[in-house]
Amino acid sequence: MHGVSIASYTDWKAGFSYTVPDGVLKGIEFGAYYTGNNANTAFYTDLNGFNTAKDTGVAYVKKTF
């Protein structure tokens, strides 16, 4: 692999969100997403053994004022 660094990777993210259109919860957004990559695990593992490039899932509730 000439010209490709071990630090190179491709990442992706898939998810959804829904904002309540009216009523008591009007304007509140609910959502979730999952993100991952094809990073070199050995390169992105810190001295404590934690893989900083591991896949992650997130759920959230948001209200903007």
PDB file of N, CA and C in Angstrom:
ATOM      1  N   MET A   1       0.839  -1.190   0.000  1.00  0.00           N
ATOM      2  CA  MET A   1       0.000   0.000   0.000  1.00  0.00           C
ATOM      3  C   MET A   1       0.876   1.242   0.000  1.00  0.00           C
ATOM      4  N   HIS A   2       1.374   1.585  -1.099  1.00  0.00           N
ATOM      5  CA  HIS A   2       2.226   2.752  -1.227  1.00  0.00           C
ATOM      6  C   HIS A   2       1.393   4.034  -1.082  1.00  0.00           C
ATOM      7  N   GLY A   3       1.849   4.922  -0.200  1.00  0.00           N
ATOM      8  CA  GLY A   3       1.186   6.211  -0.060  1.00  0.00           C
ATOM      9  C   GLY A   3       0.019   6.235   0.920  1.00  0.00           C
ATOM     10  N   VAL A   4      -0.260   5.106   1.584  1.00  0.00           N
ATOM     11  CA  VAL A   4      -1.370   5.076   2.540  1.00  0.00           C
ATOM     12  C   VAL A   4      -0.795   4.948   3.949  1.00  0.00           C
ATOM     13  N   SER A   5      -1.134   5.865   4.817  1.00  0.00           N
ATOM     14  CA  SER A   5      -0.650   5.875   6.190  1.00  0.00           C
ATOM     15  C   SER A   5      -1.470   4.927   7.061  1.00  0.00           C
ATOM     16  N   ILE A   6      -0.832   4.345   8.114  1.00  0.00           N
ATOM     17  CA  ILE A   6      -1.590   3.500   9.039  1.00  0.00           C
ATOM     18  C   ILE A   6      -2.572   4.334   9.856  1.00  0.00           C
ATOM     19  N   ALA A   7      -2.386   5.653   9.834  1.00  0.00           N
ATOM     20  CA  ALA A   7      -3.300   6.546  10.551  1.00  0.00           C
ATOM     21  C   ALA A   7      -4.536   6.883   9.721  1.00  0.00           C
ATOM     22  N   SER A   8      -4.563   6.493   8.454  1.00  0.00           N
ATOM     23  CA  SER A   8      -5.715   6.789   7.591  1.00  0.00           C
ATOM     24  C   SER A   8      -6.880   5.870   7.916  1.00  0.00           C
ATOM     25  N   TYR A   9      -8.084   6.391   7.782  1.00  0.00           N
ATOM     26  CA  TYR A   9      -9.285   5.579   7.989  1.00  0.00           C
ATOM     27  C   TYR A   9     -10.481   6.242   7.327  1.00  0.00           C
ATOM     28  N   THR A  10     -11.542   5.476   7.201  1.00  0.00           N
ATOM     29  CA  THR A  10     -12.819   5.973   6.700  1.00  0.00           C
ATOM     30  C   THR A  10     -13.833   5.811   7.817  1.00  0.00           C
ATOM     31  N   ASP A  11     -14.628   6.839   8.078  1.00  0.00           N
ATOM     32  CA  ASP A  11     -15.650   6.711   9.113  1.00  0.00           C
ATOM     33  C   ASP A  11     -17.042   6.898   8.522  1.00  0.00           C
ATOM     34  N   TRP A  12     -18.052   6.486   9.288  1.00  0.00           N
ATOM     35  CA  TRP A  12     -19.442   6.553   8.864  1.00  0.00           C
ATOM     36  C   TRP A  12     -20.326   6.837  10.075  1.00  0.00           C
ATOM     37  N   LYS A  13     -21.527   7.310   9.784  1.00  0.00           N
ATOM     38  CA  LYS A  13     -22.493   7.629  10.840  1.00  0.00           C
ATOM     39  C   LYS A  13     -23.889   7.399  10.287  1.00  0.00           C
ATOM     40  N   ALA A  14     -24.723   6.703  11.049  1.00  0.00           N
ATOM     41  CA  ALA A  14     -26.113   6.463  10.660  1.00  0.00           C
ATOM     42  C   ALA A  14     -26.996   6.758  11.865  1.00  0.00           C
ATOM     43  N   GLY A  15     -28.125   7.416  11.614  1.00  0.00           N
ATOM     44  CA  GLY A  15     -28.992   7.740  12.730  1.00  0.00           C
ATOM     45  C   GLY A  15     -30.295   8.354  12.295  1.00  0.00           C
ATOM     46  N   PHE A  16     -31.030   8.857  13.268  1.00  0.00           N
ATOM     47  CA  PHE A  16     -32.316   9.486  13.004  1.00  0.00           C
ATOM     48  C   PHE A  16     -32.584  10.546  14.065  1.00  0.00           C
ATOM     49  N   SER A  17     -33.497  11.440  13.749  1.00  0.00           N
ATOM     50  CA  SER A  17     -33.961  12.403  14.735  1.00  0.00           C
ATOM     51  C   SER A  17     -35.416  12.743  14.429  1.00  0.00           C
ATOM     52  N   TYR A  18     -36.126  13.165  15.463  1.00  0.00           N
ATOM     53  CA  TYR A  18     -37.531  13.555  15.320  1.00  0.00           C
ATOM     54  C   TYR A  18     -37.764  14.763  16.214  1.00  0.00           C
ATOM     55  N   THR A  19     -38.316  15.825  15.658  1.00  0.00           N
ATOM     56  CA  THR A  19     -38.671  17.014  16.422  1.00  0.00           C
ATOM     57  C   THR A  19     -40.188  17.066  16.566  1.00  0.00           C
ATOM     58  N   VAL A  20     -40.661  17.165  17.797  1.00  0.00           N
ATOM     59  CA  VAL A  20     -42.099  17.207  18.080  1.00  0.00           C
ATOM     60  C   VAL A  20     -42.663  18.503  17.487  1.00  0.00           C
ATOM     61  N   PRO A  21     -43.675  18.407  16.604  1.00  0.00           N
ATOM     62  CA  PRO A  21     -44.175  19.589  15.907  1.00  0.00           C
ATOM     63  C   PRO A  21     -45.092  20.503  16.717  1.00  0.00           C
ATOM     64  N   ASP A  22     -45.818  19.957  17.702  1.00  0.00           N
ATOM     65  CA  ASP A  22     -46.723  20.799  18.484  1.00  0.00           C
ATOM     66  C   ASP A  22     -47.068  20.139  19.803  1.00  0.00           C
ATOM     67  N   GLY A  23     -47.823  20.838  20.619  1.00  0.00           N
ATOM     68  CA  GLY A  23     -48.213  20.312  21.925  1.00  0.00           C
ATOM     69  C   GLY A  23     -47.236  20.717  23.013  1.00  0.00           C
ATOM     70  N   VAL A  24     -47.339  20.062  24.154  1.00  0.00           N
ATOM     71  CA  VAL A  24     -46.525  20.382  25.323  1.00  0.00           C
ATOM     72  C   VAL A  24     -45.030  20.193  25.038  1.00  0.00           C
ATOM     73  N   LEU A  25     -44.690  19.212  24.233  1.00  0.00           N
ATOM     74  CA  LEU A  25     -43.288  18.922  23.929  1.00  0.00           C
ATOM     75  C   LEU A  25     -42.803  19.581  22.636  1.00  0.00           C
ATOM     76  N   LYS A  26     -43.545  20.555  22.130  1.00  0.00           N
ATOM     77  CA  LYS A  26     -43.206  21.211  20.863  1.00  0.00           C
ATOM     78  C   LYS A  26     -41.749  21.688  20.856  1.00  0.00           C
ATOM     79  N   GLY A  27     -41.035  21.345  19.782  1.00  0.00           N
ATOM     80  CA  GLY A  27     -39.664  21.790  19.614  1.00  0.00           C
ATOM     81  C   GLY A  27     -38.610  20.893  20.235  1.00  0.00           C
ATOM     82  N   ILE A  28     -39.016  19.867  20.983  1.00  0.00           N
ATOM     83  CA  ILE A  28     -38.039  18.946  21.570  1.00  0.00           C
ATOM     84  C   ILE A  28     -37.644  17.926  20.502  1.00  0.00           C
ATOM     85  N   GLU A  29     -36.347  17.712  20.381  1.00  0.00           N
ATOM     86  CA  GLU A  29     -35.819  16.760  19.401  1.00  0.00           C
ATOM     87  C   GLU A  29     -35.321  15.504  20.107  1.00  0.00           C
ATOM     88  N   PHE A  30     -35.716  14.349  19.598  1.00  0.00           N
ATOM     89  CA  PHE A  30     -35.251  13.056  20.079  1.00  0.00           C
ATOM     90  C   PHE A  30     -34.439  12.429  18.954  1.00  0.00           C
ATOM     91  N   GLY A  31     -33.342  11.797  19.284  1.00  0.00           N
ATOM     92  CA  GLY A  31     -32.549  11.193  18.229  1.00  0.00           C
ATOM     93  C   GLY A  31     -31.563  10.170  18.746  1.00  0.00           C
ATOM     94  N   ALA A  32     -30.965   9.461  17.801  1.00  0.00           N
ATOM     95  CA  ALA A  32     -29.934   8.480  18.107  1.00  0.00           C
ATOM     96  C   ALA A  32     -29.086   8.280  16.860  1.00  0.00           C
ATOM     97  N   TYR A  33     -27.845   7.908  17.063  1.00  0.00           N
ATOM     98  CA  TYR A  33     -26.986   7.574  15.936  1.00  0.00           C
ATOM     99  C   TYR A  33     -25.911   6.589  16.373  1.00  0.00           C
ATOM    100  N   TYR A  34     -25.343   5.920  15.393  1.00  0.00           N
ATOM    101  CA  TYR A  34     -24.258   4.973  15.607  1.00  0.00           C
ATOM    102  C   TYR A  34     -23.151   5.361  14.640  1.00  0.00           C
ATOM    103  N   THR A  35     -21.936   5.433  15.127  1.00  0.00           N
ATOM    104  CA  THR A  35     -20.810   5.815  14.281  1.00  0.00           C
ATOM    105  C   THR A  35     -19.690   4.799  14.411  1.00  0.00           C
ATOM    106  N   GLY A  36     -18.984   4.566  13.317  1.00  0.00           N
ATOM    107  CA  GLY A  36     -17.887   3.605  13.311  1.00  0.00           C
ATOM    108  C   GLY A  36     -16.860   3.961  12.258  1.00  0.00           C
ATOM    109  N   ASN A  37     -15.851   3.127  12.138  1.00  0.00           N
ATOM    110  CA  ASN A  37     -14.776   3.371  11.180  1.00  0.00           C
ATOM    111  C   ASN A  37     -14.000   2.083  10.920  1.00  0.00           C
ATOM    112  N   ASN A  38     -13.064   2.165  10.009  1.00  0.00           N
ATOM    113  CA  ASN A  38     -12.209   1.022   9.714  1.00  0.00           C
ATOM    114  C   ASN A  38     -10.765   1.313  10.130  1.00  0.00           C
ATOM    115  N   ALA A  39     -10.593   2.070  11.206  1.00  0.00           N
ATOM    116  CA  ALA A  39      -9.267   2.468  11.678  1.00  0.00           C
ATOM    117  C   ALA A  39      -8.463   1.271  12.169  1.00  0.00           C
ATOM    118  N   ASN A  40      -7.156   1.380  12.061  1.00  0.00           N
ATOM    119  CA  ASN A  40      -6.230   0.369  12.540  1.00  0.00           C
ATOM    120  C   ASN A  40      -6.291   0.347  14.072  1.00  0.00           C
ATOM    121  N   THR A  41      -6.848  -0.729  14.641  1.00  0.00           N
ATOM    122  CA  THR A  41      -7.047  -0.819  16.089  1.00  0.00           C
ATOM    123  C   THR A  41      -5.739  -0.648  16.856  1.00  0.00           C
ATOM    124  N   ALA A  42      -4.681  -1.285  16.414  1.00  0.00           N
ATOM    125  CA  ALA A  42      -3.398  -1.191  17.126  1.00  0.00           C
ATOM    126  C   ALA A  42      -2.878   0.243  17.156  1.00  0.00           C
ATOM    127  N   PHE A  43      -3.012   0.974  16.067  1.00  0.00           N
ATOM    128  CA  PHE A  43      -2.528   2.348  15.999  1.00  0.00           C
ATOM    129  C   PHE A  43      -3.332   3.278  16.897  1.00  0.00           C
ATOM    130  N   TYR A  44      -4.634   3.043  17.041  1.00  0.00           N
ATOM    131  CA  TYR A  44      -5.510   3.930  17.807  1.00  0.00           C
ATOM    132  C   TYR A  44      -5.813   3.433  19.221  1.00  0.00           C
ATOM    133  N   THR A  45      -4.992   2.536  19.742  1.00  0.00           N
ATOM    134  CA  THR A  45      -5.135   2.073  21.127  1.00  0.00           C
ATOM    135  C   THR A  45      -4.110   2.797  21.978  1.00  0.00           C
ATOM    136  N   ASP A  46      -4.592   3.441  23.069  1.00  0.00           N
ATOM    137  CA  ASP A  46      -3.674   4.225  23.895  1.00  0.00           C
ATOM    138  C   ASP A  46      -2.873   3.333  24.855  1.00  0.00           C
ATOM    139  N   LEU A  47      -2.022   3.930  25.674  1.00  0.00           N
ATOM    140  CA  LEU A  47      -1.150   3.174  26.575  1.00  0.00           C
ATOM    141  C   LEU A  47      -1.914   2.421  27.662  1.00  0.00           C
ATOM    142  N   ASN A  48      -3.161   2.798  27.921  1.00  0.00           N
ATOM    143  CA  ASN A  48      -3.991   2.096  28.902  1.00  0.00           C
ATOM    144  C   ASN A  48      -4.783   0.949  28.278  1.00  0.00           C
ATOM    145  N   GLY A  49      -4.622   0.752  26.966  1.00  0.00           N
ATOM    146  CA  GLY A  49      -5.337  -0.325  26.276  1.00  0.00           C
ATOM    147  C   GLY A  49      -6.707   0.072  25.765  1.00  0.00           C
ATOM    148  N   PHE A  50      -7.041   1.369  25.794  1.00  0.00           N
ATOM    149  CA  PHE A  50      -8.339   1.844  25.329  1.00  0.00           C
ATOM    150  C   PHE A  50      -8.274   2.149  23.838  1.00  0.00           C
ATOM    151  N   ASN A  51      -9.173   1.544  23.070  1.00  0.00           N
ATOM    152  CA  ASN A  51      -9.245   1.792  21.628  1.00  0.00           C
ATOM    153  C   ASN A  51     -10.024   3.079  21.407  1.00  0.00           C
ATOM    154  N   THR A  52      -9.330   4.153  21.081  1.00  0.00           N
ATOM    155  CA  THR A  52      -9.967   5.458  20.910  1.00  0.00           C
ATOM    156  C   THR A  52     -10.772   5.560  19.622  1.00  0.00           C
ATOM    157  N   ALA A  53     -10.664   4.563  18.747  1.00  0.00           N
ATOM    158  CA  ALA A  53     -11.397   4.579  17.470  1.00  0.00           C
ATOM    159  C   ALA A  53     -12.564   3.594  17.456  1.00  0.00           C
ATOM    160  N   LYS A  54     -12.953   3.078  18.606  1.00  0.00           N
ATOM    161  CA  LYS A  54     -14.021   2.075  18.613  1.00  0.00           C
ATOM    162  C   LYS A  54     -15.372   2.677  18.222  1.00  0.00           C
ATOM    163  N   ASP A  55     -16.259   1.825  17.714  1.00  0.00           N
ATOM    164  CA  ASP A  55     -17.603   2.249  17.331  1.00  0.00           C
ATOM    165  C   ASP A  55     -18.362   2.741  18.557  1.00  0.00           C
ATOM    166  N   THR A  56     -19.291   3.677  18.334  1.00  0.00           N
ATOM    167  CA  THR A  56     -20.021   4.290  19.446  1.00  0.00           C
ATOM    168  C   THR A  56     -21.474   4.549  19.068  1.00  0.00           C
ATOM    169  N   GLY A  57     -22.365   4.329  20.019  1.00  0.00           N
ATOM    170  CA  GLY A  57     -23.772   4.656  19.851  1.00  0.00           C
ATOM    171  C   GLY A  57     -24.160   5.773  20.809  1.00  0.00           C
ATOM    172  N   VAL A  58     -25.049   6.663  20.353  1.00  0.00           N
ATOM    173  CA  VAL A  58     -25.472   7.804  21.171  1.00  0.00           C
ATOM    174  C   VAL A  58     -26.981   8.002  21.020  1.00  0.00           C
ATOM    175  N   ALA A  59     -27.655   8.257  22.123  1.00  0.00           N
ATOM    176  CA  ALA A  59     -29.072   8.662  22.116  1.00  0.00           C
ATOM    177  C   ALA A  59     -29.138  10.017  22.802  1.00  0.00           C
ATOM    178  N   TYR A  60     -30.050  10.889  22.331  1.00  0.00           N
ATOM    179  CA  TYR A  60     -30.105  12.227  22.909  1.00  0.00           C
ATOM    180  C   TYR A  60     -31.510  12.817  22.873  1.00  0.00           C
ATOM    181  N   VAL A  61     -31.694  13.818  23.722  1.00  0.00           N
ATOM    182  CA  VAL A  61     -32.892  14.666  23.735  1.00  0.00           C
ATOM    183  C   VAL A  61     -32.372  16.097  23.745  1.00  0.00           C
ATOM    184  N   LYS A  62     -32.904  16.938  22.853  1.00  0.00           N
ATOM    185  CA  LYS A  62     -32.393  18.305  22.708  1.00  0.00           C
ATOM    186  C   LYS A  62     -33.537  19.297  22.636  1.00  0.00           C
ATOM    187  N   LYS A  63     -33.362  20.440  23.288  1.00  0.00           N
ATOM    188  CA  LYS A  63     -34.318  21.529  23.216  1.00  0.00           C
ATOM    189  C   LYS A  63     -33.541  22.813  22.977  1.00  0.00           C
ATOM    190  N   THR A  64     -33.863  23.526  21.917  1.00  0.00           N
ATOM    191  CA  THR A  64     -33.203  24.787  21.603  1.00  0.00           C
ATOM    192  C   THR A  64     -34.133  25.929  22.007  1.00  0.00           C
ATOM    193  N   PHE A  65     -33.588  26.909  22.702  1.00  0.00           N
ATOM    194  CA  PHE A  65     -34.381  28.053  23.153  1.00  0.00           C
ATOM    195  C   PHE A  65     -34.050  29.273  22.343  1.00  0.00           C
TER     196      PHE A  65
END
